[in-house]
Amino acid sequence: MSNFNRFMKQNKAKKENTQYPATTSLTDENGNPLLWDIKPLSTKDDEAIKDSCMLEVPVVGKPNLYRQKMNTTAYMAKMLVASVVSPDLNDAELQDSYGVKKPDDLLKELIDNPGEYNEFAMFVQKFNGFTTTLEEKVEEAKN
């Protein structure tokens, strides 16, 4: 097989879905945390999520000049929602049972422990190929 043919799509490894126990507050009949199905995101999916989270922020002291800033909280929530296959965060009945109407709000109701939410966010980021989490990058930028 030539080097060129190795780049053909049929030779590309496909990343499979995985499972993760996102919260200890939802358990099966034996008390084990329910496993959530998580899918990998494509680069195209990630770019669309990033674009949807960009804000135009005015530059102080420079009228009519703006710079882009990412709403990192919204980005993380949308990344998590896009990665979750099951439970179906778009299910109206499930949303109604928690009194919410948006998938990202439902996710925060299902995982209402901040530590578990952060652990889940770190897991999803690493599963999607981010070797350093968004939180680590923010901390690095602060220093």
C-alpha atoms as a PDB file:
ATOM      1  CA  MET A   1       0.000   0.000   0.000  1.00  0.00           C
ATOM      2  CA  SER A   2       1.410   3.355  -0.974  1.00  0.00           C
ATOM      3  CA  ASN A   3       1.812   6.153   1.523  1.00  0.00           C
ATOM      4  CA  PHE A   4      -0.957   8.111  -0.209  1.00  0.00           C
ATOM      5  CA  ASN A   5      -3.484   5.274   0.131  1.00  0.00           C
ATOM      6  CA  ARG A   6      -2.915   5.145   3.872  1.00  0.00           C
ATOM      7  CA  PHE A   7      -4.623   8.541   4.111  1.00  0.00           C
ATOM      8  CA  MET A   8      -7.843   7.315   2.481  1.00  0.00           C
ATOM      9  CA  LYS A   9     -10.961   7.461   4.631  1.00  0.00           C
ATOM     10  CA  GLN A  10     -11.455   3.688   4.756  1.00  0.00           C
ATOM     11  CA  ASN A  11      -8.090   3.456   6.559  1.00  0.00           C
ATOM     12  CA  LYS A  12      -8.985   5.968   9.239  1.00  0.00           C
ATOM     13  CA  ALA A  13      -9.675   4.556  12.708  1.00  0.00           C
ATOM     14  CA  LYS A  14     -13.173   5.308  13.949  1.00  0.00           C
ATOM     15  CA  LYS A  15     -13.510   6.456  17.536  1.00  0.00           C
ATOM     16  CA  GLU A  16     -16.312   4.632  19.316  1.00  0.00           C
ATOM     17  CA  ASN A  17     -18.731   5.934  21.921  1.00  0.00           C
ATOM     18  CA  THR A  18     -17.889   5.318  25.551  1.00  0.00           C
ATOM     19  CA  GLN A  19     -19.748   5.242  28.842  1.00  0.00           C
ATOM     20  CA  TYR A  20     -19.230   7.337  31.938  1.00  0.00           C
ATOM     21  CA  PRO A  21     -20.934   7.482  35.362  1.00  0.00           C
ATOM     22  CA  ALA A  22     -21.568  11.243  35.334  1.00  0.00           C
ATOM     23  CA  THR A  23     -23.220  11.471  38.744  1.00  0.00           C
ATOM     24  CA  THR A  24     -23.669   9.364  41.860  1.00  0.00           C
ATOM     25  CA  SER A  25     -27.128  10.815  42.470  1.00  0.00           C
ATOM     26  CA  LEU A  26     -28.728   8.704  39.701  1.00  0.00           C
ATOM     27  CA  THR A  27     -28.335   4.983  40.381  1.00  0.00           C
ATOM     28  CA  ASP A  28     -29.647   1.605  39.297  1.00  0.00           C
ATOM     29  CA  GLU A  29     -31.505  -0.826  41.574  1.00  0.00           C
ATOM     30  CA  ASN A  30     -28.173  -1.945  43.093  1.00  0.00           C
ATOM     31  CA  GLY A  31     -27.008   1.569  43.928  1.00  0.00           C
ATOM     32  CA  ASN A  32     -24.489   1.763  41.076  1.00  0.00           C
ATOM     33  CA  PRO A  33     -24.271   5.083  39.225  1.00  0.00           C
ATOM     34  CA  LEU A  34     -26.057   5.031  35.862  1.00  0.00           C
ATOM     35  CA  LEU A  35     -23.730   4.985  32.875  1.00  0.00           C
ATOM     36  CA  TRP A  36     -24.157   7.733  30.305  1.00  0.00           C
ATOM     37  CA  ASP A  37     -23.349   7.162  26.637  1.00  0.00           C
ATOM     38  CA  ILE A  38     -20.820   9.701  25.369  1.00  0.00           C
ATOM     39  CA  LYS A  39     -19.885  10.216  21.713  1.00  0.00           C
ATOM     40  CA  PRO A  40     -16.751  11.802  20.302  1.00  0.00           C
ATOM     41  CA  LEU A  41     -17.159  15.160  18.592  1.00  0.00           C
ATOM     42  CA  SER A  42     -15.684  15.971  15.222  1.00  0.00           C
ATOM     43  CA  THR A  43     -13.468  18.986  14.628  1.00  0.00           C
ATOM     44  CA  LYS A  44     -16.319  20.416  12.555  1.00  0.00           C
ATOM     45  CA  ASP A  45     -18.748  20.005  15.489  1.00  0.00           C
ATOM     46  CA  ASP A  46     -16.286  21.648  17.872  1.00  0.00           C
ATOM     47  CA  GLU A  47     -15.753  24.624  15.546  1.00  0.00           C
ATOM     48  CA  ALA A  48     -19.519  25.162  15.240  1.00  0.00           C
ATOM     49  CA  ILE A  49     -19.853  25.111  19.032  1.00  0.00           C
ATOM     50  CA  LYS A  50     -16.965  27.573  19.429  1.00  0.00           C
ATOM     51  CA  ASP A  51     -18.428  29.908  16.793  1.00  0.00           C
ATOM     52  CA  SER A  52     -21.783  29.900  18.585  1.00  0.00           C
ATOM     53  CA  CYS A  53     -20.066  30.973  21.823  1.00  0.00           C
ATOM     54  CA  MET A  54     -18.106  33.925  20.455  1.00  0.00           C
ATOM     55  CA  LEU A  55     -19.017  37.406  21.678  1.00  0.00           C
ATOM     56  CA  GLU A  56     -18.110  40.781  20.220  1.00  0.00           C
ATOM     57  CA  VAL A  57     -16.664  42.862  23.062  1.00  0.00           C
ATOM     58  CA  PRO A  58     -16.016  46.596  22.633  1.00  0.00           C
ATOM     59  CA  VAL A  59     -12.387  47.664  23.063  1.00  0.00           C
ATOM     60  CA  VAL A  60     -12.164  50.188  25.883  1.00  0.00           C
ATOM     61  CA  GLY A  61     -11.210  53.645  24.660  1.00  0.00           C
ATOM     62  CA  LYS A  62     -11.591  52.748  20.985  1.00  0.00           C
ATOM     63  CA  PRO A  63     -15.060  53.563  19.676  1.00  0.00           C
ATOM     64  CA  ASN A  64     -16.474  51.176  17.071  1.00  0.00           C
ATOM     65  CA  LEU A  65     -13.649  48.686  17.640  1.00  0.00           C
ATOM     66  CA  TYR A  66     -14.483  45.208  18.903  1.00  0.00           C
ATOM     67  CA  ARG A  67     -12.578  42.063  19.743  1.00  0.00           C
ATOM     68  CA  GLN A  68     -13.830  38.534  19.965  1.00  0.00           C
ATOM     69  CA  LYS A  69     -14.110  36.755  23.273  1.00  0.00           C
ATOM     70  CA  MET A  70     -15.329  33.236  23.876  1.00  0.00           C
ATOM     71  CA  ASN A  71     -17.964  32.585  26.512  1.00  0.00           C
ATOM     72  CA  THR A  72     -16.131  29.584  27.977  1.00  0.00           C
ATOM     73  CA  THR A  73     -18.994  28.571  30.280  1.00  0.00           C
ATOM     74  CA  ALA A  74     -21.416  28.381  27.344  1.00  0.00           C
ATOM     75  CA  TYR A  75     -18.806  26.570  25.245  1.00  0.00           C
ATOM     76  CA  MET A  76     -18.281  23.916  27.900  1.00  0.00           C
ATOM     77  CA  ALA A  77     -22.027  23.400  28.411  1.00  0.00           C
ATOM     78  CA  LYS A  78     -22.637  23.068  24.658  1.00  0.00           C
ATOM     79  CA  MET A  79     -19.691  20.689  24.264  1.00  0.00           C
ATOM     80  CA  LEU A  80     -21.038  18.467  27.024  1.00  0.00           C
ATOM     81  CA  VAL A  81     -24.575  18.506  25.621  1.00  0.00           C
ATOM     82  CA  ALA A  82     -23.301  17.678  22.125  1.00  0.00           C
ATOM     83  CA  SER A  83     -21.303  14.741  23.518  1.00  0.00           C
ATOM     84  CA  VAL A  84     -24.118  13.134  25.536  1.00  0.00           C
ATOM     85  CA  VAL A  85     -26.055  10.486  23.617  1.00  0.00           C
ATOM     86  CA  SER A  86     -27.919   9.016  26.566  1.00  0.00           C
ATOM     87  CA  PRO A  87     -29.740  10.254  28.520  1.00  0.00           C
ATOM     88  CA  ASP A  88     -31.395  12.224  25.717  1.00  0.00           C
ATOM     89  CA  LEU A  89     -31.010  15.805  26.954  1.00  0.00           C
ATOM     90  CA  ASN A  90     -33.470  17.001  24.295  1.00  0.00           C
ATOM     91  CA  ASP A  91     -36.291  14.778  25.565  1.00  0.00           C
ATOM     92  CA  ALA A  92     -39.229  17.032  26.502  1.00  0.00           C
ATOM     93  CA  GLU A  93     -40.551  14.624  29.150  1.00  0.00           C
ATOM     94  CA  LEU A  94     -37.172  14.446  30.871  1.00  0.00           C
ATOM     95  CA  GLN A  95     -36.803  18.236  30.709  1.00  0.00           C
ATOM     96  CA  ASP A  96     -40.322  18.675  32.124  1.00  0.00           C
ATOM     97  CA  SER A  97     -39.546  16.339  35.031  1.00  0.00           C
ATOM     98  CA  TYR A  98     -36.764  18.761  36.053  1.00  0.00           C
ATOM     99  CA  GLY A  99     -38.722  21.924  35.180  1.00  0.00           C
ATOM    100  CA  VAL A 100     -36.348  23.064  32.418  1.00  0.00           C
ATOM    101  CA  LYS A 101     -36.679  23.668  28.678  1.00  0.00           C
ATOM    102  CA  LYS A 102     -33.077  23.594  27.402  1.00  0.00           C
ATOM    103  CA  PRO A 103     -30.638  20.672  27.214  1.00  0.00           C
ATOM    104  CA  ASP A 104     -27.813  22.552  28.944  1.00  0.00           C
ATOM    105  CA  ASP A 105     -30.140  23.452  31.827  1.00  0.00           C
ATOM    106  CA  LEU A 106     -31.206  19.801  32.066  1.00  0.00           C
ATOM    107  CA  LEU A 107     -27.584  18.682  32.196  1.00  0.00           C
ATOM    108  CA  LYS A 108     -26.948  21.006  35.145  1.00  0.00           C
ATOM    109  CA  GLU A 109     -30.028  19.609  36.910  1.00  0.00           C
ATOM    110  CA  LEU A 110     -28.973  16.010  36.309  1.00  0.00           C
ATOM    111  CA  ILE A 111     -25.423  16.742  37.518  1.00  0.00           C
ATOM    112  CA  ASP A 112     -26.165  19.292  40.224  1.00  0.00           C
ATOM    113  CA  ASN A 113     -22.959  18.612  42.166  1.00  0.00           C
ATOM    114  CA  PRO A 114     -20.311  21.131  40.985  1.00  0.00           C
ATOM    115  CA  GLY A 115     -17.466  18.692  41.579  1.00  0.00           C
ATOM    116  CA  GLU A 116     -19.149  15.971  39.534  1.00  0.00           C
ATOM    117  CA  TYR A 117     -19.961  18.484  36.782  1.00  0.00           C
ATOM    118  CA  ASN A 118     -16.287  19.539  36.599  1.00  0.00           C
ATOM    119  CA  GLU A 119     -15.132  15.891  36.596  1.00  0.00           C
ATOM    120  CA  PHE A 120     -17.564  15.151  33.766  1.00  0.00           C
ATOM    121  CA  ALA A 121     -16.355  18.196  31.826  1.00  0.00           C
ATOM    122  CA  MET A 122     -12.719  17.082  32.222  1.00  0.00           C
ATOM    123  CA  PHE A 123     -13.609  13.554  31.105  1.00  0.00           C
ATOM    124  CA  VAL A 124     -15.440  14.779  27.984  1.00  0.00           C
ATOM    125  CA  GLN A 125     -12.600  17.137  27.076  1.00  0.00           C
ATOM    126  CA  LYS A 126      -9.997  14.377  27.376  1.00  0.00           C
ATOM    127  CA  PHE A 127     -12.241  11.925  25.490  1.00  0.00           C
ATOM    128  CA  ASN A 128     -12.426  14.466  22.676  1.00  0.00           C
ATOM    129  CA  GLY A 129      -8.656  14.772  22.463  1.00  0.00           C
ATOM    130  CA  PHE A 130      -7.974  17.851  24.558  1.00  0.00           C
ATOM    131  CA  THR A 131      -4.860  16.950  26.505  1.00  0.00           C
ATOM    132  CA  THR A 132      -5.192  20.024  28.706  1.00  0.00           C
ATOM    133  CA  THR A 133      -8.628  21.035  29.924  1.00  0.00           C
ATOM    134  CA  LEU A 134     -10.140  24.457  29.365  1.00  0.00           C
ATOM    135  CA  GLU A 135      -9.768  25.162  33.093  1.00  0.00           C
ATOM    136  CA  GLU A 136      -6.045  24.331  32.920  1.00  0.00           C
ATOM    137  CA  LYS A 137      -5.604  26.684  29.958  1.00  0.00           C
ATOM    138  CA  VAL A 138      -7.381  29.479  31.830  1.00  0.00           C
ATOM    139  CA  GLU A 139      -5.147  28.945  34.870  1.00  0.00           C
ATOM    140  CA  GLU A 140      -2.070  28.894  32.645  1.00  0.00           C
ATOM    141  CA  ALA A 141      -3.116  32.161  30.997  1.00  0.00           C
ATOM    142  CA  LYS A 142      -3.595  33.791  34.422  1.00  0.00           C
ATOM    143  CA  ASN A 143      -0.019  32.967  35.460  1.00  0.00           C
END
